[in-house]
PDB file of N, CA and C in Angstrom:
ATOM      1  N   UNK A   1       0.822  -1.195   0.000  1.00  0.00           N
ATOM      2  CA  UNK A   1       0.000   0.000   0.000  1.00  0.00           C
ATOM      3  C   UNK A   1       0.867   1.261   0.000  1.00  0.00           C
ATOM      4  N   UNK A   2       2.103   1.133   0.470  1.00  0.00           N
ATOM      5  CA  UNK A   2       3.007   2.289   0.407  1.00  0.00           C
ATOM      6  C   UNK A   2       3.260   2.696  -1.042  1.00  0.00           C
ATOM      7  N   UNK A   3       3.419   1.702  -1.916  1.00  0.00           N
ATOM      8  CA  UNK A   3       3.623   1.999  -3.336  1.00  0.00           C
ATOM      9  C   UNK A   3       2.381   2.655  -3.939  1.00  0.00           C
ATOM     10  N   UNK A   4       1.210   2.213  -3.526  1.00  0.00           N
ATOM     11  CA  UNK A   4      -0.037   2.805  -4.014  1.00  0.00           C
ATOM     12  C   UNK A   4      -0.111   4.269  -3.575  1.00  0.00           C
ATOM     13  N   UNK A   5       0.195   4.538  -2.330  1.00  0.00           N
ATOM     14  CA  UNK A   5       0.175   5.911  -1.829  1.00  0.00           C
ATOM     15  C   UNK A   5       1.175   6.780  -2.580  1.00  0.00           C
ATOM     16  N   UNK A   6       2.363   6.247  -2.845  1.00  0.00           N
ATOM     17  CA  UNK A   6       3.373   7.007  -3.585  1.00  0.00           C
ATOM     18  C   UNK A   6       2.891   7.290  -5.005  1.00  0.00           C
ATOM     19  N   UNK A   7       2.257   6.305  -5.612  1.00  0.00           N
ATOM     20  CA  UNK A   7       1.721   6.490  -6.966  1.00  0.00           C
ATOM     21  C   UNK A   7       0.644   7.572  -6.978  1.00  0.00           C
ATOM     22  N   UNK A   8      -0.286   7.519  -6.040  1.00  0.00           N
ATOM     23  CA  UNK A   8      -1.363   8.518  -6.012  1.00  0.00           C
ATOM     24  C   UNK A   8      -0.796   9.913  -5.789  1.00  0.00           C
ATOM     25  N   UNK A   9       0.191  10.024  -4.923  1.00  0.00           N
ATOM     26  CA  UNK A   9       0.834  11.323  -4.703  1.00  0.00           C
ATOM     27  C   UNK A   9       1.479  11.840  -5.991  1.00  0.00           C
ATOM     28  N   UNK A  10       2.173  10.955  -6.686  1.00  0.00           N
ATOM     29  CA  UNK A  10       2.845  11.343  -7.930  1.00  0.00           C
ATOM     30  C   UNK A  10       1.834  11.793  -8.985  1.00  0.00           C
ATOM     31  N   UNK A  11       0.754  11.061  -9.133  1.00  0.00           N
ATOM     32  CA  UNK A  11      -0.272  11.425 -10.116  1.00  0.00           C
ATOM     33  C   UNK A  11      -0.945  12.749  -9.763  1.00  0.00           C
ATOM     34  N   UNK A  12      -1.191  12.956  -8.492  1.00  0.00           N
ATOM     35  CA  UNK A  12      -1.803  14.221  -8.050  1.00  0.00           C
ATOM     36  C   UNK A  12      -0.866  15.401  -8.268  1.00  0.00           C
ATOM     37  N   UNK A  13       0.411  15.208  -7.963  1.00  0.00           N
ATOM     38  CA  UNK A  13       1.389  16.289  -8.187  1.00  0.00           C
ATOM     39  C   UNK A  13       1.468  16.647  -9.666  1.00  0.00           C
ATOM     40  N   UNK A  14       1.324  15.640 -10.517  1.00  0.00           N
ATOM     41  CA  UNK A  14       1.374  15.856 -11.964  1.00  0.00           C
ATOM     42  C   UNK A  14       0.053  16.393 -12.505  1.00  0.00           C
ATOM     43  N   UNK A  15      -0.942  16.505 -11.623  1.00  0.00           N
ATOM     44  CA  UNK A  15      -2.281  16.948 -12.009  1.00  0.00           C
ATOM     45  C   UNK A  15      -2.843  16.091 -13.142  1.00  0.00           C
ATOM     46  N   UNK A  16      -2.545  14.787 -13.066  1.00  0.00           N
ATOM     47  CA  UNK A  16      -3.025  13.844 -14.076  1.00  0.00           C
ATOM     48  C   UNK A  16      -4.493  13.504 -13.836  1.00  0.00           C
ATOM     49  N   UNK A  17      -5.173  13.155 -14.914  1.00  0.00           N
ATOM     50  CA  UNK A  17      -6.541  12.650 -14.827  1.00  0.00           C
ATOM     51  C   UNK A  17      -6.408  11.141 -14.708  1.00  0.00           C
ATOM     52  N   UNK A  18      -6.643  10.617 -13.530  1.00  0.00           N
ATOM     53  CA  UNK A  18      -6.381   9.195 -13.315  1.00  0.00           C
ATOM     54  C   UNK A  18      -7.408   8.605 -12.368  1.00  0.00           C
ATOM     55  N   UNK A  19      -7.457   7.278 -12.369  1.00  0.00           N
ATOM     56  CA  UNK A  19      -8.278   6.566 -11.397  1.00  0.00           C
ATOM     57  C   UNK A  19      -7.592   5.246 -11.083  1.00  0.00           C
ATOM     58  N   UNK A  20      -7.893   4.725  -9.937  1.00  0.00           N
ATOM     59  CA  UNK A  20      -7.321   3.465  -9.483  1.00  0.00           C
ATOM     60  C   UNK A  20      -8.453   2.610  -8.952  1.00  0.00           C
ATOM     61  N   UNK A  21      -8.543   1.387  -9.453  1.00  0.00           N
ATOM     62  CA  UNK A  21      -9.570   0.457  -8.999  1.00  0.00           C
ATOM     63  C   UNK A  21      -8.867  -0.704  -8.309  1.00  0.00           C
ATOM     64  N   UNK A  22      -9.261  -0.970  -7.078  1.00  0.00           N
ATOM     65  CA  UNK A  22      -8.682  -2.078  -6.314  1.00  0.00           C
ATOM     66  C   UNK A  22      -9.805  -3.053  -5.993  1.00  0.00           C
ATOM     67  N   UNK A  23      -9.585  -4.304  -6.298  1.00  0.00           N
ATOM     68  CA  UNK A  23     -10.563  -5.347  -6.002  1.00  0.00           C
ATOM     69  C   UNK A  23     -10.074  -6.111  -4.771  1.00  0.00           C
ATOM     70  N   UNK A  24     -10.723  -5.855  -3.647  1.00  0.00           N
ATOM     71  CA  UNK A  24     -10.329  -6.483  -2.387  1.00  0.00           C
ATOM     72  C   UNK A  24     -10.424  -8.001  -2.451  1.00  0.00           C
ATOM     73  N   UNK A  25      -9.484  -8.650  -1.889  1.00  0.00           N
ATOM     74  CA  UNK A  25      -9.326 -10.109  -1.764  1.00  0.00           C
ATOM     75  C   UNK A  25      -9.038 -10.816  -3.080  1.00  0.00           C
ATOM     76  N   UNK A  26      -9.071 -10.111  -4.221  1.00  0.00           N
ATOM     77  CA  UNK A  26      -8.762 -10.752  -5.495  1.00  0.00           C
ATOM     78  C   UNK A  26      -7.269 -11.033  -5.577  1.00  0.00           C
ATOM     79  N   UNK A  27      -6.946 -12.188  -6.110  1.00  0.00           N
ATOM     80  CA  UNK A  27      -5.546 -12.558  -6.293  1.00  0.00           C
ATOM     81  C   UNK A  27      -5.151 -12.347  -7.750  1.00  0.00           C
ATOM     82  N   UNK A  28      -3.873 -12.466  -8.013  1.00  0.00           N
ATOM     83  CA  UNK A  28      -3.367 -12.369  -9.373  1.00  0.00           C
ATOM     84  C   UNK A  28      -4.067 -13.440 -10.219  1.00  0.00           C
ATOM     85  N   UNK A  29      -4.362 -13.108 -11.457  1.00  0.00           N
ATOM     86  CA  UNK A  29      -4.995 -14.081 -12.345  1.00  0.00           C
ATOM     87  C   UNK A  29      -6.471 -14.277 -12.082  1.00  0.00           C
ATOM     88  N   UNK A  30      -7.120 -13.285 -11.465  1.00  0.00           N
ATOM     89  CA  UNK A  30      -8.521 -13.461 -11.076  1.00  0.00           C
ATOM     90  C   UNK A  30      -9.461 -13.615 -12.260  1.00  0.00           C
ATOM     91  N   UNK A  31      -8.988 -13.337 -13.485  1.00  0.00           N
ATOM     92  CA  UNK A  31      -9.838 -13.506 -14.664  1.00  0.00           C
ATOM     93  C   UNK A  31      -9.614 -14.843 -15.366  1.00  0.00           C
ATOM     94  N   UNK A  32      -8.704 -15.652 -14.862  1.00  0.00           N
ATOM     95  CA  UNK A  32      -8.362 -16.926 -15.509  1.00  0.00           C
ATOM     96  C   UNK A  32      -9.289 -18.037 -15.023  1.00  0.00           C
ATOM     97  N   UNK A  33     -10.364 -18.269 -15.796  1.00  0.00           N
ATOM     98  CA  UNK A  33     -11.381 -19.254 -15.402  1.00  0.00           C
ATOM     99  C   UNK A  33     -10.820 -20.646 -15.164  1.00  0.00           C
ATOM    100  N   UNK A  34      -9.768 -20.988 -15.882  1.00  0.00           N
ATOM    101  CA  UNK A  34      -9.249 -22.354 -15.799  1.00  0.00           C
ATOM    102  C   UNK A  34      -8.071 -22.484 -14.832  1.00  0.00           C
ATOM    103  N   UNK A  35      -7.837 -21.449 -14.046  1.00  0.00           N
ATOM    104  CA  UNK A  35      -6.765 -21.524 -13.053  1.00  0.00           C
ATOM    105  C   UNK A  35      -7.111 -22.606 -12.033  1.00  0.00           C
ATOM    106  N   UNK A  36      -6.152 -23.425 -11.732  1.00  0.00           N
ATOM    107  CA  UNK A  36      -6.351 -24.502 -10.762  1.00  0.00           C
ATOM    108  C   UNK A  36      -6.023 -23.958  -9.377  1.00  0.00           C
ATOM    109  N   UNK A  37      -7.032 -23.955  -8.516  1.00  0.00           N
ATOM    110  CA  UNK A  37      -6.840 -23.438  -7.151  1.00  0.00           C
ATOM    111  C   UNK A  37      -5.699 -24.171  -6.461  1.00  0.00           C
ATOM    112  N   UNK A  38      -4.757 -23.410  -5.918  1.00  0.00           N
ATOM    113  CA  UNK A  38      -3.634 -23.980  -5.183  1.00  0.00           C
ATOM    114  C   UNK A  38      -2.476 -24.409  -6.051  1.00  0.00           C
ATOM    115  N   UNK A  39      -2.632 -24.413  -7.368  1.00  0.00           N
ATOM    116  CA  UNK A  39      -1.551 -24.852  -8.249  1.00  0.00           C
ATOM    117  C   UNK A  39      -0.386 -23.871  -8.252  1.00  0.00           C
ATOM    118  N   UNK A  40      -0.696 -22.598  -8.090  1.00  0.00           N
ATOM    119  CA  UNK A  40       0.332 -21.566  -8.057  1.00  0.00           C
ATOM    120  C   UNK A  40      -0.028 -20.598  -6.941  1.00  0.00           C
ATOM    121  N   UNK A  41       0.846 -20.421  -5.965  1.00  0.00           N
ATOM    122  CA  UNK A  41       0.538 -19.533  -4.844  1.00  0.00           C
ATOM    123  C   UNK A  41       0.205 -18.114  -5.314  1.00  0.00           C
ATOM    124  N   UNK A  42      -0.861 -17.556  -4.747  1.00  0.00           N
ATOM    125  CA  UNK A  42      -1.242 -16.194  -5.050  1.00  0.00           C
ATOM    126  C   UNK A  42      -2.045 -16.025  -6.326  1.00  0.00           C
ATOM    127  N   UNK A  43      -2.408 -17.123  -6.982  1.00  0.00           N
ATOM    128  CA  UNK A  43      -3.184 -17.075  -8.219  1.00  0.00           C
ATOM    129  C   UNK A  43      -4.484 -17.829  -7.999  1.00  0.00           C
ATOM    130  N   UNK A  44      -5.618 -17.175  -8.293  1.00  0.00           N
ATOM    131  CA  UNK A  44      -6.914 -17.837  -8.149  1.00  0.00           C
ATOM    132  C   UNK A  44      -7.965 -17.093  -8.951  1.00  0.00           C
ATOM    133  N   UNK A  45      -8.844 -17.850  -9.575  1.00  0.00           N
ATOM    134  CA  UNK A  45      -9.966 -17.264 -10.303  1.00  0.00           C
ATOM    135  C   UNK A  45     -10.987 -16.753  -9.305  1.00  0.00           C
ATOM    136  N   UNK A  46     -11.548 -15.566  -9.591  1.00  0.00           N
ATOM    137  CA  UNK A  46     -12.586 -14.983  -8.746  1.00  0.00           C
ATOM    138  C   UNK A  46     -13.706 -14.514  -9.669  1.00  0.00           C
ATOM    139  N   UNK A  47     -14.792 -15.283  -9.770  1.00  0.00           N
ATOM    140  CA  UNK A  47     -15.836 -14.947 -10.746  1.00  0.00           C
ATOM    141  C   UNK A  47     -16.483 -13.573 -10.537  1.00  0.00           C
ATOM    142  N   UNK A  48     -16.724 -13.167  -9.319  1.00  0.00           N
ATOM    143  CA  UNK A  48     -17.344 -11.868  -9.078  1.00  0.00           C
ATOM    144  C   UNK A  48     -16.409 -10.737  -9.482  1.00  0.00           C
ATOM    145  N   UNK A  49     -15.140 -10.849  -9.123  1.00  0.00           N
ATOM    146  CA  UNK A  49     -14.171  -9.820  -9.491  1.00  0.00           C
ATOM    147  C   UNK A  49     -13.941  -9.810 -10.989  1.00  0.00           C
ATOM    148  N   UNK A  50     -13.941 -10.977 -11.610  1.00  0.00           N
ATOM    149  CA  UNK A  50     -13.822 -11.061 -13.063  1.00  0.00           C
ATOM    150  C   UNK A  50     -14.955 -10.276 -13.714  1.00  0.00           C
ATOM    151  N   UNK A  51     -16.180 -10.485 -13.263  1.00  0.00           N
ATOM    152  CA  UNK A  51     -17.345  -9.800 -13.803  1.00  0.00           C
ATOM    153  C   UNK A  51     -17.247  -8.289 -13.579  1.00  0.00           C
ATOM    154  N   UNK A  52     -16.874  -7.899 -12.382  1.00  0.00           N
ATOM    155  CA  UNK A  52     -16.765  -6.477 -12.053  1.00  0.00           C
ATOM    156  C   UNK A  52     -15.674  -5.792 -12.879  1.00  0.00           C
ATOM    157  N   UNK A  53     -14.534  -6.450 -13.023  1.00  0.00           N
ATOM    158  CA  UNK A  53     -13.435  -5.835 -13.768  1.00  0.00           C
ATOM    159  C   UNK A  53     -13.772  -5.733 -15.252  1.00  0.00           C
ATOM    160  N   UNK A  54     -14.476  -6.718 -15.780  1.00  0.00           N
ATOM    161  CA  UNK A  54     -14.885  -6.673 -17.185  1.00  0.00           C
ATOM    162  C   UNK A  54     -15.840  -5.501 -17.414  1.00  0.00           C
ATOM    163  N   UNK A  55     -16.786  -5.300 -16.487  1.00  0.00           N
ATOM    164  CA  UNK A  55     -17.725  -4.173 -16.593  1.00  0.00           C
ATOM    165  C   UNK A  55     -16.976  -2.847 -16.481  1.00  0.00           C
ATOM    166  N   UNK A  56     -16.028  -2.752 -15.589  1.00  0.00           N
ATOM    167  CA  UNK A  56     -15.252  -1.516 -15.426  1.00  0.00           C
ATOM    168  C   UNK A  56     -14.422  -1.227 -16.671  1.00  0.00           C
ATOM    169  N   UNK A  57     -13.829  -2.247 -17.274  1.00  0.00           N
ATOM    170  CA  UNK A  57     -13.050  -2.051 -18.493  1.00  0.00           C
ATOM    171  C   UNK A  57     -13.946  -1.582 -19.630  1.00  0.00           C
ATOM    172  N   UNK A  58     -15.137  -2.174 -19.735  1.00  0.00           N
ATOM    173  CA  UNK A  58     -16.078  -1.757 -20.762  1.00  0.00           C
ATOM    174  C   UNK A  58     -16.518  -0.320 -20.578  1.00  0.00           C
ATOM    175  N   UNK A  59     -16.780   0.076 -19.340  1.00  0.00           N
ATOM    176  CA  UNK A  59     -17.183   1.456 -19.036  1.00  0.00           C
ATOM    177  C   UNK A  59     -16.040   2.426 -19.375  1.00  0.00           C
ATOM    178  N   UNK A  60     -14.828   2.048 -19.040  1.00  0.00           N
ATOM    179  CA  UNK A  60     -13.666   2.882 -19.342  1.00  0.00           C
ATOM    180  C   UNK A  60     -13.548   3.086 -20.850  1.00  0.00           C
ATOM    181  N   UNK A  61     -13.629   1.998 -21.612  1.00  0.00           N
ATOM    182  CA  UNK A  61     -13.500   2.090 -23.057  1.00  0.00           C
ATOM    183  C   UNK A  61     -14.629   2.887 -23.696  1.00  0.00           C
ATOM    184  N   UNK A  62     -15.791   2.886 -23.052  1.00  0.00           N
ATOM    185  CA  UNK A  62     -16.926   3.652 -23.559  1.00  0.00           C
ATOM    186  C   UNK A  62     -16.868   5.107 -23.104  1.00  0.00           C
ATOM    187  N   UNK A  63     -15.916   5.432 -22.243  1.00  0.00           N
ATOM    188  CA  UNK A  63     -15.774   6.798 -21.747  1.00  0.00           C
ATOM    189  C   UNK A  63     -16.686   7.116 -20.581  1.00  0.00           C
ATOM    190  N   UNK A  64     -17.253   6.091 -19.958  1.00  0.00           N
ATOM    191  CA  UNK A  64     -18.147   6.284 -18.825  1.00  0.00           C
ATOM    192  C   UNK A  64     -17.371   6.103 -17.529  1.00  0.00           C
ATOM    193  N   UNK A  65     -17.890   6.628 -16.409  1.00  0.00           N
ATOM    194  CA  UNK A  65     -17.247   6.387 -15.115  1.00  0.00           C
ATOM    195  C   UNK A  65     -17.345   4.918 -14.734  1.00  0.00           C
ATOM    196  N   UNK A  66     -16.400   4.444 -13.964  1.00  0.00           N
ATOM    197  CA  UNK A  66     -16.402   3.044 -13.510  1.00  0.00           C
ATOM    198  C   UNK A  66     -17.639   2.772 -12.666  1.00  0.00           C
ATOM    199  N   UNK A  67     -18.210   1.556 -12.835  1.00  0.00           N
ATOM    200  CA  UNK A  67     -19.406   1.218 -12.036  1.00  0.00           C
ATOM    201  C   UNK A  67     -19.095   1.054 -10.573  1.00  0.00           C
TER     202      UNK A  67
END
């Protein structure tokens, strides 16, 4: 979270138009439906987060605010 705070500070200082979306409890590879649970530490499919991130990406590409 220290890196996240440093990033937000840097973006704000640059007066950038930015947003950050964090999906709580989601692990790396959360969109990989065929990921085998426990096969690789820190990697797991999360269907709800997959759905939410797909909707957020679609909204971003359409120029709408994130849901």
